[in-house]
N, C-alpha and C. Protein backbone atom coordinates (compact mmCIF):
# COMPACT_ATOMS: atom_id res chain seq x y z
N MET A 1 0.69 -1.17 0.30
CA MET A 1 -0.31 0.07 0.26
C MET A 1 1.00 1.46 0.09
N ASN A 2 0.56 1.93 -1.10
CA ASN A 2 1.02 3.34 -0.96
C ASN A 2 0.79 4.30 0.25
N SER A 3 1.82 5.29 0.46
CA SER A 3 1.51 6.46 1.34
C SER A 3 -0.01 7.26 1.05
N GLY A 4 0.09 7.34 -0.10
CA GLY A 4 -1.47 8.11 -0.11
C GLY A 4 -2.76 7.27 -0.18
N ASN A 5 -2.72 6.13 -0.62
CA ASN A 5 -3.74 5.15 0.27
C ASN A 5 -3.75 5.31 1.86
N MET A 6 -2.67 4.84 2.39
CA MET A 6 -2.71 5.19 4.00
C MET A 6 -2.87 6.31 4.46
N ASN A 7 -2.83 7.77 4.07
CA ASN A 7 -3.45 9.07 4.21
C ASN A 7 -4.81 8.97 4.19
N GLN A 8 -5.72 8.64 2.90
CA GLN A 8 -6.30 8.52 2.43
C GLN A 8 -7.53 7.55 3.72
N LYS A 9 -6.87 6.50 4.35
CA LYS A 9 -7.47 5.46 4.92
C LYS A 9 -7.97 6.08 6.32
N LYS A 10 -6.57 7.05 6.82
CA LYS A 10 -6.69 7.75 7.81
C LYS A 10 -7.73 8.92 8.17
N THR A 11 -7.96 9.43 7.17
CA THR A 11 -8.81 10.57 7.12
C THR A 11 -10.22 10.10 6.75
N ARG A 12 -10.23 8.82 6.92
CA ARG A 12 -11.85 8.40 6.61
C ARG A 12 -12.43 7.67 8.30
N ILE A 13 -11.15 7.47 9.11
CA ILE A 13 -11.47 7.22 10.31
C ILE A 13 -12.33 7.92 11.03
N VAL A 14 -13.13 7.70 12.02
CA VAL A 14 -14.27 9.13 12.66
C VAL A 14 -14.53 8.14 13.85
N TYR A 15 -14.44 8.67 15.13
CA TYR A 15 -14.97 8.25 16.52
C TYR A 15 -15.85 9.13 16.77
N GLU A 16 -16.84 8.04 17.50
CA GLU A 16 -17.99 8.37 17.79
C GLU A 16 -18.11 8.76 19.19
N ILE A 17 -18.30 9.57 19.90
CA ILE A 17 -18.65 10.09 21.29
C ILE A 17 -19.95 9.76 21.83
N LEU A 18 -20.23 8.46 22.38
CA LEU A 18 -21.79 8.24 23.28
C LEU A 18 -22.16 8.17 24.31
N HIS A 19 -23.01 8.66 24.84
CA HIS A 19 -23.24 8.51 25.69
C HIS A 19 -24.53 7.41 26.19
N MET A 20 -24.07 6.52 26.66
CA MET A 20 -24.87 5.07 26.66
C MET A 20 -25.21 5.19 25.22
N GLU A 21 -26.39 5.09 24.39
CA GLU A 21 -26.53 4.96 22.98
C GLU A 21 -26.65 6.00 22.29
N LYS A 22 -26.73 7.41 23.02
CA LYS A 22 -26.90 8.53 21.79
C LYS A 22 -25.15 9.11 21.81
N ILE A 23 -25.26 9.62 20.33
CA ILE A 23 -23.97 9.73 19.96
C ILE A 23 -24.41 11.28 20.00
N VAL A 24 -23.05 11.82 21.08
CA VAL A 24 -23.09 13.44 21.53
C VAL A 24 -22.21 14.35 20.43
N ALA A 25 -20.79 13.36 20.12
CA ALA A 25 -19.74 13.97 19.31
C ALA A 25 -19.03 13.47 18.38
N SER A 26 -18.48 13.45 17.57
CA SER A 26 -17.42 12.90 16.77
C SER A 26 -16.05 13.48 16.50
N VAL A 27 -15.31 13.01 16.18
CA VAL A 27 -14.03 13.41 15.53
C VAL A 27 -13.38 12.95 14.89
N SER A 28 -12.58 13.42 13.67
CA SER A 28 -12.32 12.38 12.64
C SER A 28 -10.89 12.45 12.98
N ALA A 29 -10.01 11.36 12.35
CA ALA A 29 -8.68 11.26 12.59
C ALA A 29 -7.76 12.46 12.46
N THR A 30 -8.18 13.71 11.23
CA THR A 30 -7.84 14.86 10.71
C THR A 30 -8.01 15.57 11.87
N GLY A 31 -9.13 15.48 12.76
CA GLY A 31 -9.16 16.73 13.91
C GLY A 31 -10.59 17.47 13.54
N ASN A 32 -11.11 16.93 12.66
CA ASN A 32 -12.79 17.83 12.17
C ASN A 32 -13.33 17.23 13.61
N ALA A 33 -14.42 18.11 14.19
CA ALA A 33 -15.11 17.52 15.14
C ALA A 33 -16.61 18.28 14.72
N ARG A 34 -17.37 17.59 15.22
CA ARG A 34 -18.96 17.79 15.14
C ARG A 34 -19.71 17.18 16.58
N ILE A 35 -20.37 18.13 16.70
CA ILE A 35 -21.17 18.17 18.37
C ILE A 35 -22.25 17.99 17.86
N TYR A 36 -23.27 16.95 18.30
CA TYR A 36 -24.48 16.66 18.32
C TYR A 36 -25.13 17.00 19.30
N ASN A 37 -24.93 16.50 20.43
CA ASN A 37 -25.55 17.07 21.89
C ASN A 37 -24.80 17.56 22.88
N GLU A 38 -24.84 19.15 22.74
CA GLU A 38 -23.79 19.21 23.79
C GLU A 38 -23.75 19.18 25.57
N GLN A 39 -25.31 19.17 25.64
CA GLN A 39 -25.38 18.83 26.85
C GLN A 39 -25.35 17.25 27.45
N PHE A 40 -24.83 16.41 26.77
CA PHE A 40 -24.19 15.15 26.71
C PHE A 40 -23.45 15.05 26.91
N MET A 41 -22.28 16.06 26.46
CA MET A 41 -20.97 15.98 26.48
C MET A 41 -19.89 15.74 27.60
N PRO A 42 -19.30 14.77 27.58
CA PRO A 42 -18.16 14.61 28.87
C PRO A 42 -17.57 15.85 29.44
N TYR A 43 -17.79 16.20 30.52
CA TYR A 43 -17.45 17.64 31.30
C TYR A 43 -15.99 17.96 30.92
N ASP A 44 -15.14 16.88 30.68
CA ASP A 44 -13.93 17.24 30.43
C ASP A 44 -13.37 16.59 29.34
N LEU A 45 -14.00 17.07 28.07
CA LEU A 45 -13.82 16.90 26.80
C LEU A 45 -14.19 18.22 25.90
N TYR A 46 -13.10 19.11 25.81
CA TYR A 46 -13.41 19.98 25.01
C TYR A 46 -13.36 19.98 23.36
N LEU A 47 -14.33 19.90 22.26
CA LEU A 47 -14.28 19.83 21.05
C LEU A 47 -14.34 21.22 20.61
N GLU A 48 -14.11 21.72 19.38
CA GLU A 48 -14.63 22.95 18.60
C GLU A 48 -15.10 22.66 17.33
N GLU A 49 -15.82 22.91 16.53
CA GLU A 49 -16.35 22.67 15.57
C GLU A 49 -15.96 23.76 14.68
N GLU A 50 -15.26 23.63 13.60
CA GLU A 50 -14.91 24.79 12.68
C GLU A 50 -15.43 24.62 11.65
N MET A 51 -16.39 25.86 11.28
CA MET A 51 -17.13 25.62 9.82
C MET A 51 -16.32 25.52 8.37
N ALA A 52 -15.21 26.29 8.30
CA ALA A 52 -14.22 26.11 7.17
C ALA A 52 -14.10 24.82 7.18
N GLU A 53 -13.71 23.91 8.58
CA GLU A 53 -12.90 22.76 8.29
C GLU A 53 -11.10 22.86 7.81
N ASN A 54 -10.96 23.88 7.83
CA ASN A 54 -9.28 24.30 7.19
C ASN A 54 -8.61 25.00 8.31
N ASP A 55 -9.20 25.30 9.41
CA ASP A 55 -8.05 25.57 10.55
C ASP A 55 -7.51 25.00 11.34
N ILE A 56 -5.97 24.72 11.11
CA ILE A 56 -5.33 23.77 11.50
C ILE A 56 -5.14 23.85 13.16
N ASP A 57 -5.13 24.94 13.54
CA ASP A 57 -4.83 24.88 15.22
C ASP A 57 -6.03 24.25 15.98
N THR A 58 -7.29 24.72 15.22
CA THR A 58 -8.39 23.88 15.81
C THR A 58 -8.50 22.28 15.77
N MET A 59 -8.18 21.68 14.48
CA MET A 59 -8.25 20.50 14.10
C MET A 59 -7.15 19.82 15.07
N MET A 60 -6.00 20.66 15.26
CA MET A 60 -5.07 20.12 16.10
C MET A 60 -5.40 19.95 17.75
N ASN A 61 -6.08 20.69 17.98
CA ASN A 61 -6.36 21.31 19.27
C ASN A 61 -7.71 20.16 19.60
N ASN A 62 -8.48 19.65 18.57
CA ASN A 62 -9.21 18.96 18.96
C ASN A 62 -8.67 17.28 19.38
N LEU A 63 -7.87 17.10 18.24
CA LEU A 63 -7.46 15.74 18.21
C LEU A 63 -6.23 15.55 19.39
N ILE A 64 -5.65 16.68 20.35
CA ILE A 64 -5.09 16.83 21.43
C ILE A 64 -5.90 16.43 22.59
N ASN A 65 -6.83 16.89 22.26
CA ASN A 65 -8.01 17.12 24.00
C ASN A 65 -8.62 15.59 23.16
N PHE A 66 -9.03 14.91 22.21
CA PHE A 66 -9.57 13.97 22.21
C PHE A 66 -8.65 12.84 22.72
N TYR A 67 -7.42 12.67 22.57
CA TYR A 67 -6.37 11.70 22.55
C TYR A 67 -6.18 12.01 24.27
N HIS A 68 -6.33 13.05 24.99
CA HIS A 68 -6.13 13.40 26.22
C HIS A 68 -7.28 12.72 27.38
N TRP A 69 -8.51 13.04 26.74
CA TRP A 69 -9.97 12.38 27.25
C TRP A 69 -9.58 11.03 27.33
N CYS A 70 -9.41 10.44 25.82
CA CYS A 70 -9.02 9.02 25.92
C CYS A 70 -8.10 8.23 26.84
N ALA A 71 -7.12 8.75 26.95
CA ALA A 71 -5.76 8.63 27.62
C ALA A 71 -6.17 8.80 29.37
N SER A 72 -7.29 9.41 29.50
CA SER A 72 -7.64 9.52 31.17
C SER A 72 -8.65 8.28 31.26
N ARG A 73 -8.65 7.70 30.41
CA ARG A 73 -9.79 6.87 30.60
C ARG A 73 -9.17 5.14 30.84
N VAL A 74 -7.89 5.39 30.62
CA VAL A 74 -6.86 3.93 30.62
C VAL A 74 -6.38 3.77 32.09
N LEU A 75 -6.26 2.62 32.81
CA LEU A 75 -6.04 2.20 34.15
C LEU A 75 -4.31 2.85 34.36
N SER A 76 -4.72 3.57 35.44
CA SER A 76 -3.30 4.29 36.00
C SER A 76 -2.25 3.04 35.95
N LEU A 77 -0.90 3.53 35.58
CA LEU A 77 0.01 2.42 36.50
C LEU A 77 0.50 2.84 37.60
N ASP A 78 -0.22 3.70 38.54
CA ASP A 78 0.53 3.19 39.70
C ASP A 78 -0.66 2.39 40.79
N ARG A 79 -1.83 1.64 39.92
CA ARG A 79 -2.73 0.84 40.41
C ARG A 79 -1.90 -0.59 40.45
N LYS A 80 -2.22 -0.96 41.88
CA LYS A 80 -2.02 -2.77 41.79
C LYS A 80 -2.30 -3.09 40.52
N TYR A 81 -1.25 -4.17 40.47
CA TYR A 81 -1.55 -5.27 39.03
C TYR A 81 -1.44 -4.20 37.67
N ALA A 82 -1.71 -2.99 37.65
CA ALA A 82 -1.84 -2.42 36.34
C ALA A 82 -1.09 -2.92 35.20
N LYS A 83 0.29 -2.92 35.54
CA LYS A 83 1.70 -3.44 34.60
C LYS A 83 0.81 -4.50 34.40
N GLU A 84 0.85 -5.50 35.08
CA GLU A 84 0.59 -6.84 34.77
C GLU A 84 -0.59 -6.97 33.72
N LEU A 85 -1.57 -6.24 34.25
CA LEU A 85 -3.03 -6.34 33.27
C LEU A 85 -2.57 -5.73 31.97
N LEU A 86 -2.08 -4.85 31.69
CA LEU A 86 -1.43 -4.10 30.25
C LEU A 86 -0.51 -5.08 29.52
N ASN A 87 0.13 -5.79 30.36
CA ASN A 87 1.28 -6.68 29.76
C ASN A 87 0.13 -8.03 28.98
N SER A 88 -0.56 -8.46 30.27
CA SER A 88 -1.36 -9.15 29.61
C SER A 88 -2.36 -9.41 28.45
N ILE A 89 -2.43 -8.01 28.18
CA ILE A 89 -3.28 -8.07 27.05
C ILE A 89 -2.52 -7.75 25.68
N GLY A 90 -1.39 -7.08 25.77
CA GLY A 90 0.13 -7.20 25.03
C GLY A 90 -0.13 -5.78 24.84
N ALA A 91 -0.38 -5.17 25.86
CA ALA A 91 -0.46 -3.45 25.53
C ALA A 91 1.09 -2.92 26.25
N SER A 92 1.53 -2.09 25.62
CA SER A 92 2.64 -1.30 26.52
C SER A 92 2.45 -0.59 27.58
N GLN A 93 3.41 -0.23 28.40
CA GLN A 93 3.30 0.72 29.17
C GLN A 93 3.35 2.08 28.65
N ALA A 94 2.18 2.48 27.57
CA ALA A 94 2.54 3.78 27.22
C ALA A 94 2.59 5.03 28.08
N VAL A 95 3.42 6.19 27.43
CA VAL A 95 3.84 6.88 28.25
C VAL A 95 3.42 7.87 27.58
N THR A 96 3.08 8.40 26.43
CA THR A 96 2.75 9.20 25.53
C THR A 96 1.04 9.37 25.77
N ASP A 97 -0.27 10.56 25.46
CA ASP A 97 -1.22 10.35 25.54
C ASP A 97 -1.63 9.57 24.63
N LYS A 98 -0.99 10.00 22.97
CA LYS A 98 -1.58 9.27 21.94
C LYS A 98 -1.47 7.99 22.06
N ASP A 99 -0.73 7.49 22.74
CA ASP A 99 -0.24 5.85 23.18
C ASP A 99 -1.31 5.20 24.05
N ARG A 100 -1.39 5.93 24.96
CA ARG A 100 -2.52 5.98 26.00
C ARG A 100 -3.65 5.60 25.03
N ALA A 101 -4.27 6.69 24.31
CA ALA A 101 -5.24 6.82 23.81
C ALA A 101 -5.60 5.44 23.01
N ASN A 102 -4.62 5.04 22.13
CA ASN A 102 -4.62 3.65 21.45
C ASN A 102 -4.96 2.76 22.27
N ILE A 103 -5.10 2.84 23.17
CA ILE A 103 -4.87 1.53 24.38
C ILE A 103 -6.45 1.58 24.66
N SER A 104 -6.96 2.62 25.41
CA SER A 104 -8.42 3.13 25.71
C SER A 104 -9.27 2.81 24.65
N LEU A 105 -8.59 3.05 23.09
CA LEU A 105 -9.67 3.12 22.08
C LEU A 105 -9.80 1.83 21.68
N SER A 106 -8.84 1.03 22.31
CA SER A 106 -8.76 -0.52 21.59
C SER A 106 -10.07 -1.49 22.39
N TYR A 107 -10.41 -0.85 23.54
CA TYR A 107 -11.74 -1.21 24.34
C TYR A 107 -12.51 -0.03 24.53
N HIS A 108 -12.67 0.55 23.14
CA HIS A 108 -14.02 1.58 23.41
C HIS A 108 -14.05 2.91 24.52
N CYS A 109 -12.81 2.89 24.92
CA CYS A 109 -12.95 3.98 26.33
C CYS A 109 -14.08 3.65 27.15
N VAL A 110 -13.96 2.56 27.53
CA VAL A 110 -15.28 2.03 28.39
C VAL A 110 -14.56 2.54 30.04
N SER A 111 -15.48 3.06 30.63
CA SER A 111 -14.79 2.72 31.66
C SER A 111 -15.87 2.33 33.17
N LEU A 112 -15.62 2.32 34.28
CA LEU A 112 -16.72 1.75 35.14
C LEU A 112 -16.85 3.26 35.73
N THR A 113 -16.49 3.96 35.74
CA THR A 113 -16.82 5.59 36.67
C THR A 113 -18.10 6.30 35.52
N ASP A 114 -18.36 5.81 34.68
CA ASP A 114 -19.29 6.95 33.80
C ASP A 114 -20.06 5.96 32.64
N VAL A 115 -20.80 6.53 31.73
CA VAL A 115 -21.47 6.31 30.58
C VAL A 115 -21.12 6.26 29.47
N PHE A 116 -19.93 6.89 29.26
CA PHE A 116 -19.45 7.18 27.86
C PHE A 116 -18.71 6.19 27.27
N TRP A 117 -18.71 5.97 25.75
CA TRP A 117 -17.47 4.72 25.41
C TRP A 117 -17.23 5.75 23.63
N VAL A 118 -16.42 4.99 22.96
CA VAL A 118 -16.36 5.50 22.04
C VAL A 118 -16.49 4.53 20.60
N ARG A 119 -16.78 4.71 19.52
CA ARG A 119 -16.79 3.55 18.47
C ARG A 119 -16.50 4.15 16.92
N ALA A 120 -15.50 3.39 16.66
CA ALA A 120 -15.18 3.97 15.29
C ALA A 120 -15.80 3.90 13.98
């Protein structure tokens, strides 16, 4: 697969943030965001819709904020047996928000503390 096809595939990925079964927002892999139901948004996730969809700063901020929110949903490494659990599922003990977000996205960002989750 050449790099042009890989970039096209990446731009097609859209993550939907759900509150139970209700879609509240979506974020594409390029940082374009759409908010469907602001009153059900997670309080610690800030996304900004850009009408022109060409503002690189807004799109980067959306991705950074989304990855940070996902990363915050991963079991923290200071918890008892956290490293063993991550090793058992083959996940690295990620350091960056993006790495931790990818771990979280692998299980749809599900958490026992709230009703939010993500689907691609």
